[in-house]
C-alpha atoms as a PDB file:
ATOM      1  CA  MET A   1     170.219  11.824 119.181  1.00  0.00           C
ATOM      2  CA  SER A   2     171.117  12.168 115.504  1.00  0.00           C
ATOM      3  CA  ALA A   3     169.745  11.257 112.092  1.00  0.00           C
ATOM      4  CA  PRO A   4     171.152   7.831 111.104  1.00  0.00           C
ATOM      5  CA  GLY A   5     174.076   8.094 108.701  1.00  0.00           C
ATOM      6  CA  ARG A   6     173.736  11.858 108.293  1.00  0.00           C
ATOM      7  CA  GLU A   7     175.048  15.027 109.856  1.00  0.00           C
ATOM      8  CA  ALA A   8     172.579  16.129 112.533  1.00  0.00           C
ATOM      9  CA  LEU A   9     171.209  19.488 111.418  1.00  0.00           C
ATOM     10  CA  LEU A  10     168.160  19.888 113.638  1.00  0.00           C
ATOM     11  CA  GLU A  11     167.728  18.079 116.954  1.00  0.00           C
ATOM     12  CA  VAL A  12     164.830  18.142 119.372  1.00  0.00           C
ATOM     13  CA  ARG A  13     165.622  16.529 122.699  1.00  0.00           C
ATOM     14  CA  ALA A  14     162.961  15.518 125.224  1.00  0.00           C
ATOM     15  CA  ILE A  15     160.841  18.664 124.936  1.00  0.00           C
ATOM     16  CA  ASP A  16     157.692  19.298 126.944  1.00  0.00           C
ATOM     17  CA  ALA A  17     155.269  21.948 125.712  1.00  0.00           C
ATOM     18  CA  PHE A  18     151.972  23.309 126.983  1.00  0.00           C
ATOM     19  CA  ARG A  19     149.053  25.273 125.584  1.00  0.00           C
ATOM     20  CA  GLY A  20     147.680  27.110 128.578  1.00  0.00           C
ATOM     21  CA  PRO A  21     147.393  24.615 131.421  1.00  0.00           C
ATOM     22  CA  ALA A  22     147.254  21.600 129.096  1.00  0.00           C
ATOM     23  CA  GLN A  23     150.444  19.641 128.443  1.00  0.00           C
ATOM     24  CA  ILE A  24     150.617  18.766 124.732  1.00  0.00           C
ATOM     25  CA  LEU A  25     154.140  17.368 124.252  1.00  0.00           C
ATOM     26  CA  ARG A  26     155.758  14.860 126.587  1.00  0.00           C
ATOM     27  CA  GLY A  27     159.457  14.241 126.084  1.00  0.00           C
ATOM     28  CA  VAL A  28     159.387  14.589 122.287  1.00  0.00           C
ATOM     29  CA  SER A  29     162.724  13.871 120.607  1.00  0.00           C
ATOM     30  CA  LEU A  30     163.502  13.845 116.894  1.00  0.00           C
ATOM     31  CA  ALA A  31     166.285  14.721 114.479  1.00  0.00           C
ATOM     32  CA  VAL A  32     166.573  15.832 110.870  1.00  0.00           C
ATOM     33  CA  GLY A  33     169.755  15.251 108.907  1.00  0.00           C
ATOM     34  CA  THR A  34     171.229  17.421 106.163  1.00  0.00           C
ATOM     35  CA  GLY A  35     169.436  16.854 102.845  1.00  0.00           C
ATOM     36  CA  GLU A  36     166.802  14.599 104.415  1.00  0.00           C
ATOM     37  CA  VAL A  37     162.990  14.612 104.232  1.00  0.00           C
ATOM     38  CA  VAL A  38     161.479  13.568 107.546  1.00  0.00           C
ATOM     39  CA  CYS A  39     157.744  13.261 108.192  1.00  0.00           C
ATOM     40  CA  LEU A  40     156.146  13.638 111.604  1.00  0.00           C
ATOM     41  CA  VAL A  41     152.886  11.734 111.191  1.00  0.00           C
ATOM     42  CA  GLY A  42     149.919  11.597 113.508  1.00  0.00           C
ATOM     43  CA  ARG A  43     146.225  12.172 113.754  1.00  0.00           C
ATOM     44  CA  ASN A  44     144.736  15.621 114.277  1.00  0.00           C
ATOM     45  CA  GLY A  45     145.485  16.753 117.813  1.00  0.00           C
ATOM     46  CA  ALA A  46     148.436  14.394 118.269  1.00  0.00           C
ATOM     47  CA  GLY A  47     150.948  17.242 118.754  1.00  0.00           C
ATOM     48  CA  LYS A  48     152.407  17.771 115.260  1.00  0.00           C
ATOM     49  CA  THR A  49     151.792  21.519 115.003  1.00  0.00           C
ATOM     50  CA  THR A  50     152.857  22.040 118.617  1.00  0.00           C
ATOM     51  CA  THR A  51     156.155  20.323 117.801  1.00  0.00           C
ATOM     52  CA  ILE A  52     156.688  22.557 114.764  1.00  0.00           C
ATOM     53  CA  GLU A  53     155.861  25.725 116.714  1.00  0.00           C
ATOM     54  CA  SER A  54     158.198  24.664 119.532  1.00  0.00           C
ATOM     55  CA  ILE A  55     161.058  24.227 117.064  1.00  0.00           C
ATOM     56  CA  LEU A  56     160.328  27.628 115.550  1.00  0.00           C
ATOM     57  CA  GLY A  57     160.177  29.411 118.895  1.00  0.00           C
ATOM     58  CA  LEU A  58     156.530  30.383 118.474  1.00  0.00           C
ATOM     59  CA  LEU A  59     155.674  28.308 121.535  1.00  0.00           C
ATOM     60  CA  PRO A  60     158.038  28.140 124.525  1.00  0.00           C
ATOM     61  CA  VAL A  61     159.115  24.738 125.782  1.00  0.00           C
ATOM     62  CA  ARG A  62     158.962  23.928 129.494  1.00  0.00           C
ATOM     63  CA  ALA A  63     161.707  21.315 129.374  1.00  0.00           C
ATOM     64  CA  GLY A  64     164.163  19.864 126.884  1.00  0.00           C
ATOM     65  CA  ARG A  65     166.317  21.379 124.176  1.00  0.00           C
ATOM     66  CA  VAL A  66     166.158  22.452 120.534  1.00  0.00           C
ATOM     67  CA  ALA A  67     169.504  22.522 118.691  1.00  0.00           C
ATOM     68  CA  PHE A  68     170.251  23.721 115.167  1.00  0.00           C
ATOM     69  CA  GLN A  69     173.633  23.124 113.532  1.00  0.00           C
ATOM     70  CA  GLY A  70     174.969  22.150 116.954  1.00  0.00           C
ATOM     71  CA  ARG A  71     173.816  25.383 118.594  1.00  0.00           C
ATOM     72  CA  ASP A  72     171.274  25.489 121.399  1.00  0.00           C
ATOM     73  CA  VAL A  73     168.441  27.710 120.123  1.00  0.00           C
ATOM     74  CA  THR A  74     165.867  26.792 122.774  1.00  0.00           C
ATOM     75  CA  ARG A  75     165.614  30.344 124.108  1.00  0.00           C
ATOM     76  CA  LEU A  76     166.197  32.255 120.877  1.00  0.00           C
ATOM     77  CA  PRO A  77     163.261  34.299 119.516  1.00  0.00           C
ATOM     78  CA  ALA A  78     161.600  33.070 116.337  1.00  0.00           C
ATOM     79  CA  HIS A  79     163.068  35.738 114.046  1.00  0.00           C
ATOM     80  CA  GLU A  80     166.596  34.833 115.125  1.00  0.00           C
ATOM     81  CA  ARG A  81     165.940  31.170 114.349  1.00  0.00           C
ATOM     82  CA  ALA A  82     164.695  32.213 110.919  1.00  0.00           C
ATOM     83  CA  ARG A  83     167.893  34.204 110.326  1.00  0.00           C
ATOM     84  CA  LEU A  84     169.952  31.143 111.266  1.00  0.00           C
ATOM     85  CA  GLY A  85     168.231  29.112 108.565  1.00  0.00           C
ATOM     86  CA  ILE A  86     165.000  27.596 109.900  1.00  0.00           C
ATOM     87  CA  GLY A  87     162.213  28.211 107.375  1.00  0.00           C
ATOM     88  CA  TRP A  88     158.481  27.625 107.836  1.00  0.00           C
ATOM     89  CA  ALA A  89     155.294  27.309 105.804  1.00  0.00           C
ATOM     90  CA  PRO A  90     152.260  27.170 108.141  1.00  0.00           C
ATOM     91  CA  GLU A  91     149.231  24.922 107.777  1.00  0.00           C
ATOM     92  CA  ASP A  92     146.969  27.773 106.632  1.00  0.00           C
ATOM     93  CA  ALA A  93     149.708  29.078 104.252  1.00  0.00           C
ATOM     94  CA  GLY A  94     149.673  32.449 106.045  1.00  0.00           C
ATOM     95  CA  ILE A  95     149.444  34.465 102.826  1.00  0.00           C
ATOM     96  CA  PHE A  96     148.528  38.133 103.337  1.00  0.00           C
ATOM     97  CA  PRO A  97     145.308  38.384 101.324  1.00  0.00           C
ATOM     98  CA  ASP A  98     145.496  42.079 100.434  1.00  0.00           C
ATOM     99  CA  LEU A  99     149.124  41.926  99.298  1.00  0.00           C
ATOM    100  CA  THR A 100     150.413  40.636  95.994  1.00  0.00           C
ATOM    101  CA  VAL A 101     152.560  37.523  95.850  1.00  0.00           C
ATOM    102  CA  GLU A 102     155.551  39.771  95.183  1.00  0.00           C
ATOM    103  CA  GLU A 103     154.776  41.830  98.286  1.00  0.00           C
ATOM    104  CA  ASN A 104     154.392  38.651 100.342  1.00  0.00           C
ATOM    105  CA  PHE A 105     157.904  37.713  99.244  1.00  0.00           C
ATOM    106  CA  GLU A 106     159.250  41.175 100.064  1.00  0.00           C
ATOM    107  CA  ILE A 107     157.987  40.932 103.651  1.00  0.00           C
ATOM    108  CA  ALA A 108     159.739  37.587 104.084  1.00  0.00           C
ATOM    109  CA  THR A 109     163.036  38.904 102.752  1.00  0.00           C
ATOM    110  CA  TRP A 110     163.199  41.719 105.317  1.00  0.00           C
ATOM    111  CA  LEU A 111     165.189  39.247 107.401  1.00  0.00           C
ATOM    112  CA  SER A 112     167.727  38.719 104.594  1.00  0.00           C
ATOM    113  CA  ARG A 113     171.159  40.105 105.383  1.00  0.00           C
ATOM    114  CA  THR A 114     172.031  41.446 101.904  1.00  0.00           C
ATOM    115  CA  ASP A 115     170.420  42.258  98.555  1.00  0.00           C
ATOM    116  CA  GLY A 116     172.421  39.395  97.087  1.00  0.00           C
ATOM    117  CA  ASP A 117     170.841  37.008  99.580  1.00  0.00           C
ATOM    118  CA  ARG A 118     167.382  38.281  98.644  1.00  0.00           C
ATOM    119  CA  ARG A 119     167.937  37.762  94.924  1.00  0.00           C
ATOM    120  CA  ALA A 120     169.542  34.349  95.368  1.00  0.00           C
ATOM    121  CA  GLY A 121     166.757  33.173  97.686  1.00  0.00           C
ATOM    122  CA  LEU A 122     164.036  34.350  95.332  1.00  0.00           C
ATOM    123  CA  GLU A 123     165.621  32.737  92.282  1.00  0.00           C
ATOM    124  CA  GLN A 124     166.073  29.466  94.141  1.00  0.00           C
ATOM    125  CA  ALA A 125     162.405  29.505  95.192  1.00  0.00           C
ATOM    126  CA  LEU A 126     161.173  30.271  91.680  1.00  0.00           C
ATOM    127  CA  ALA A 127     163.366  27.527  90.227  1.00  0.00           C
ATOM    128  CA  VAL A 128     161.468  25.029  92.386  1.00  0.00           C
ATOM    129  CA  PHE A 129     158.090  26.689  91.732  1.00  0.00           C
ATOM    130  CA  PRO A 130     158.217  28.189  88.213  1.00  0.00           C
ATOM    131  CA  GLU A 131     154.410  28.416  88.298  1.00  0.00           C
ATOM    132  CA  VAL A 132     154.716  31.212  90.836  1.00  0.00           C
ATOM    133  CA  ARG A 133     156.463  33.527  88.342  1.00  0.00           C
ATOM    134  CA  GLY A 134     153.111  34.156  86.686  1.00  0.00           C
ATOM    135  CA  LEU A 135     151.414  34.975  89.991  1.00  0.00           C
ATOM    136  CA  THR A 136     153.652  37.742  91.335  1.00  0.00           C
ATOM    137  CA  ARG A 137     151.126  40.533  90.621  1.00  0.00           C
ATOM    138  CA  ARG A 138     148.144  38.577  91.935  1.00  0.00           C
ATOM    139  CA  ARG A 139     146.785  39.363  95.377  1.00  0.00           C
ATOM    140  CA  GLY A 140     146.745  36.596  97.943  1.00  0.00           C
ATOM    141  CA  LEU A 141     142.968  36.808  98.091  1.00  0.00           C
ATOM    142  CA  HIS A 142     142.756  35.516  94.530  1.00  0.00           C
ATOM    143  CA  LEU A 143     145.009  32.473  94.861  1.00  0.00           C
ATOM    144  CA  SER A 144     143.673  28.935  94.862  1.00  0.00           C
ATOM    145  CA  GLY A 145     144.427  26.593  97.750  1.00  0.00           C
ATOM    146  CA  GLY A 146     147.229  24.914  95.849  1.00  0.00           C
ATOM    147  CA  GLN A 147     148.694  28.229  94.734  1.00  0.00           C
ATOM    148  CA  LYS A 148     148.710  29.482  98.335  1.00  0.00           C
ATOM    149  CA  LYS A 149     150.623  26.400  99.459  1.00  0.00           C
ATOM    150  CA  MET A 150     153.184  26.876  96.676  1.00  0.00           C
ATOM    151  CA  VAL A 151     153.604  30.563  97.466  1.00  0.00           C
ATOM    152  CA  ALA A 152     153.952  29.825 101.193  1.00  0.00           C
ATOM    153  CA  ILE A 153     156.727  27.296 100.611  1.00  0.00           C
ATOM    154  CA  ALA A 154     158.417  29.513  98.012  1.00  0.00           C
ATOM    155  CA  ARG A 155     158.234  32.461 100.419  1.00  0.00           C
ATOM    156  CA  ALA A 156     159.923  30.383 103.121  1.00  0.00           C
ATOM    157  CA  MET A 157     162.663  29.500 100.636  1.00  0.00           C
ATOM    158  CA  THR A 158     163.474  33.145  99.911  1.00  0.00           C
ATOM    159  CA  LEU A 159     165.486  33.220 103.155  1.00  0.00           C
ATOM    160  CA  ARG A 160     167.626  30.328 101.855  1.00  0.00           C
ATOM    161  CA  PRO A 161     166.943  28.061 104.849  1.00  0.00           C
ATOM    162  CA  ARG A 162     169.028  25.047 105.784  1.00  0.00           C
ATOM    163  CA  VAL A 163     165.921  23.284 107.072  1.00  0.00           C
ATOM    164  CA  LEU A 164     162.322  23.865 106.004  1.00  0.00           C
ATOM    165  CA  LEU A 165     159.378  23.066 108.289  1.00  0.00           C
ATOM    166  CA  LEU A 166     156.106  22.378 106.455  1.00  0.00           C
ATOM    167  CA  ASP A 167     152.897  22.050 108.464  1.00  0.00           C
ATOM    168  CA  GLU A 168     150.283  19.937 106.625  1.00  0.00           C
ATOM    169  CA  PRO A 169     151.387  21.094 103.153  1.00  0.00           C
ATOM    170  CA  PHE A 170     149.138  18.616 101.307  1.00  0.00           C
ATOM    171  CA  GLU A 171     145.944  19.039 103.300  1.00  0.00           C
ATOM    172  CA  GLY A 172     142.782  19.760 101.311  1.00  0.00           C
ATOM    173  CA  LEU A 173     144.485  19.632  97.915  1.00  0.00           C
ATOM    174  CA  ALA A 174     143.545  17.714  94.775  1.00  0.00           C
ATOM    175  CA  PRO A 175     145.653  14.587  94.134  1.00  0.00           C
ATOM    176  CA  ARG A 176     147.475  16.139  91.168  1.00  0.00           C
ATOM    177  CA  VAL A 177     148.432  19.167  93.279  1.00  0.00           C
ATOM    178  CA  VAL A 178     149.663  16.890  96.052  1.00  0.00           C
ATOM    179  CA  THR A 179     151.826  15.065  93.501  1.00  0.00           C
ATOM    180  CA  ARG A 180     153.230  18.383  92.276  1.00  0.00           C
ATOM    181  CA  LEU A 181     154.103  19.473  95.812  1.00  0.00           C
ATOM    182  CA  ILE A 182     155.749  16.122  96.551  1.00  0.00           C
ATOM    183  CA  GLU A 183     157.894  16.641  93.441  1.00  0.00           C
ATOM    184  CA  ALA A 184     158.763  20.116  94.751  1.00  0.00           C
ATOM    185  CA  VAL A 185     159.787  18.719  98.154  1.00  0.00           C
ATOM    186  CA  ARG A 186     162.121  16.298  96.408  1.00  0.00           C
ATOM    187  CA  SER A 187     163.615  19.190  94.430  1.00  0.00           C
ATOM    188  CA  ILE A 188     164.129  21.127  97.645  1.00  0.00           C
ATOM    189  CA  ARG A 189     165.881  18.143  99.191  1.00  0.00           C
ATOM    190  CA  ASP A 190     168.103  17.871  96.101  1.00  0.00           C
ATOM    191  CA  LEU A 191     169.215  21.452  96.768  1.00  0.00           C
ATOM    192  CA  GLY A 192     170.613  20.220 100.087  1.00  0.00           C
ATOM    193  CA  ILE A 193     167.786  21.686 102.168  1.00  0.00           C
ATOM    194  CA  ALA A 194     166.451  19.417 104.898  1.00  0.00           C
ATOM    195  CA  VAL A 195     162.661  19.194 105.214  1.00  0.00           C
ATOM    196  CA  LEU A 196     160.507  18.330 108.224  1.00  0.00           C
ATOM    197  CA  ILE A 197     156.845  17.765 107.328  1.00  0.00           C
ATOM    198  CA  ALA A 198     153.964  17.508 109.792  1.00  0.00           C
ATOM    199  CA  GLU A 199     151.490  15.233 108.020  1.00  0.00           C
ATOM    200  CA  SER A 200     148.238  13.539 109.028  1.00  0.00           C
ATOM    201  CA  ASN A 201     147.875  11.485 105.832  1.00  0.00           C
ATOM    202  CA  PHE A 202     149.976   8.344 106.210  1.00  0.00           C
ATOM    203  CA  VAL A 203     149.895   7.558 102.485  1.00  0.00           C
ATOM    204  CA  ASN A 204     151.264  10.989 101.560  1.00  0.00           C
ATOM    205  CA  ALA A 205     153.970  10.625 104.192  1.00  0.00           C
ATOM    206  CA  LEU A 206     155.028   7.282 102.731  1.00  0.00           C
ATOM    207  CA  ARG A 207     155.346   8.876  99.290  1.00  0.00           C
ATOM    208  CA  VAL A 208     157.743  11.611 100.314  1.00  0.00           C
ATOM    209  CA  ALA A 209     159.640  10.665 103.489  1.00  0.00           C
ATOM    210  CA  ASP A 210     163.158   9.318 103.796  1.00  0.00           C
ATOM    211  CA  ARG A 211     162.341   8.655 107.458  1.00  0.00           C
ATOM    212  CA  LEU A 212     159.255   8.809 109.665  1.00  0.00           C
ATOM    213  CA  TYR A 213     158.332   9.642 113.214  1.00  0.00           C
ATOM    214  CA  ALA A 214     154.847   8.818 114.486  1.00  0.00           C
ATOM    215  CA  ILE A 215     153.371  10.910 117.299  1.00  0.00           C
ATOM    216  CA  ASP A 216     150.349  10.070 119.421  1.00  0.00           C
ATOM    217  CA  ARG A 217     149.005  12.039 122.385  1.00  0.00           C
ATOM    218  CA  GLY A 218     152.133  14.156 122.466  1.00  0.00           C
ATOM    219  CA  GLU A 219     154.637  11.297 122.518  1.00  0.00           C
ATOM    220  CA  ILE A 220     156.831   9.808 119.801  1.00  0.00           C
ATOM    221  CA  VAL A 221     155.756   6.187 119.372  1.00  0.00           C
ATOM    222  CA  PHE A 222     157.814   5.214 116.314  1.00  0.00           C
ATOM    223  CA  GLU A 223     160.947   6.218 114.449  1.00  0.00           C
ATOM    224  CA  GLY A 224     162.268   4.526 111.330  1.00  0.00           C
ATOM    225  CA  ALA A 225     162.078   3.944 107.619  1.00  0.00           C
ATOM    226  CA  PRO A 226     158.710   4.237 105.809  1.00  0.00           C
ATOM    227  CA  GLU A 227     158.843   0.523 105.014  1.00  0.00           C
ATOM    228  CA  ALA A 228     159.183  -0.308 108.696  1.00  0.00           C
ATOM    229  CA  ALA A 229     156.244   1.944 109.572  1.00  0.00           C
ATOM    230  CA  GLN A 230     154.046   0.120 107.072  1.00  0.00           C
ATOM    231  CA  ALA A 231     154.892  -3.179 108.766  1.00  0.00           C
ATOM    232  CA  HIS A 232     154.355  -1.861 112.301  1.00  0.00           C
ATOM    233  CA  PRO A 233     150.839  -2.849 113.497  1.00  0.00           C
ATOM    234  CA  GLU A 234     150.725  -0.312 116.326  1.00  0.00           C
ATOM    235  CA  VAL A 235     151.646   2.571 114.011  1.00  0.00           C
ATOM    236  CA  ILE A 236     148.984   1.539 111.505  1.00  0.00           C
ATOM    237  CA  LYS A 237     146.413   1.282 114.288  1.00  0.00           C
ATOM    238  CA  ILE A 238     147.271   4.715 115.652  1.00  0.00           C
ATOM    239  CA  LEU A 239     147.339   6.500 112.294  1.00  0.00           C
ATOM    240  CA  ARG A 240     144.315   4.854 110.746  1.00  0.00           C
ATOM    241  CA  GLY A 241     142.236   4.679 113.876  1.00  0.00           C
END
């Protein structure tokens, strides 16, 4: 399985995943191409976060395969996947509240291989989020919701990922902040970084995605262009209830 017309960068093939005794994912397959923004859309509880965590190695898969740049990474630990170039900004932003923004960045860059990589990753992140330059001395506790999301994505970028996984990056934010983050995602894509977004808001997904997957009850029920998703009655029914 590969992204249409693009080099396959990240591939998920028929994965099953469980949380305790409960099976959450059933044969989930998807692909993200180089320099592509893909949205995985679905209602709360559909399996979006479980898919993201399975790709990252935070949740083991029972069956199937995760490949990155043609390499099977299914059994690699999460930190090794990060070193290879899989970045992540979690749904809750994951900002350490008692640390400054600068210190949050420093923790992320511990995985960087050289000082040059650290500097280049930080400068790339701050070029996408210039607002963050003025926040470096502020503790995470004192950031707004939108600022936390920006810092979380910028922190993920400090490792210079090839693909960036964003879990509900727009949730709970004011419309103008959502628009700003959508602009940032486009800038990230223009840098050649692929982006996979788990998103419950269909309208936001339509605004940012080059391609969509819809997931329901742990199964992929649609793959295609945003325009096709809008014209697909079953997808609309699933996502809007």
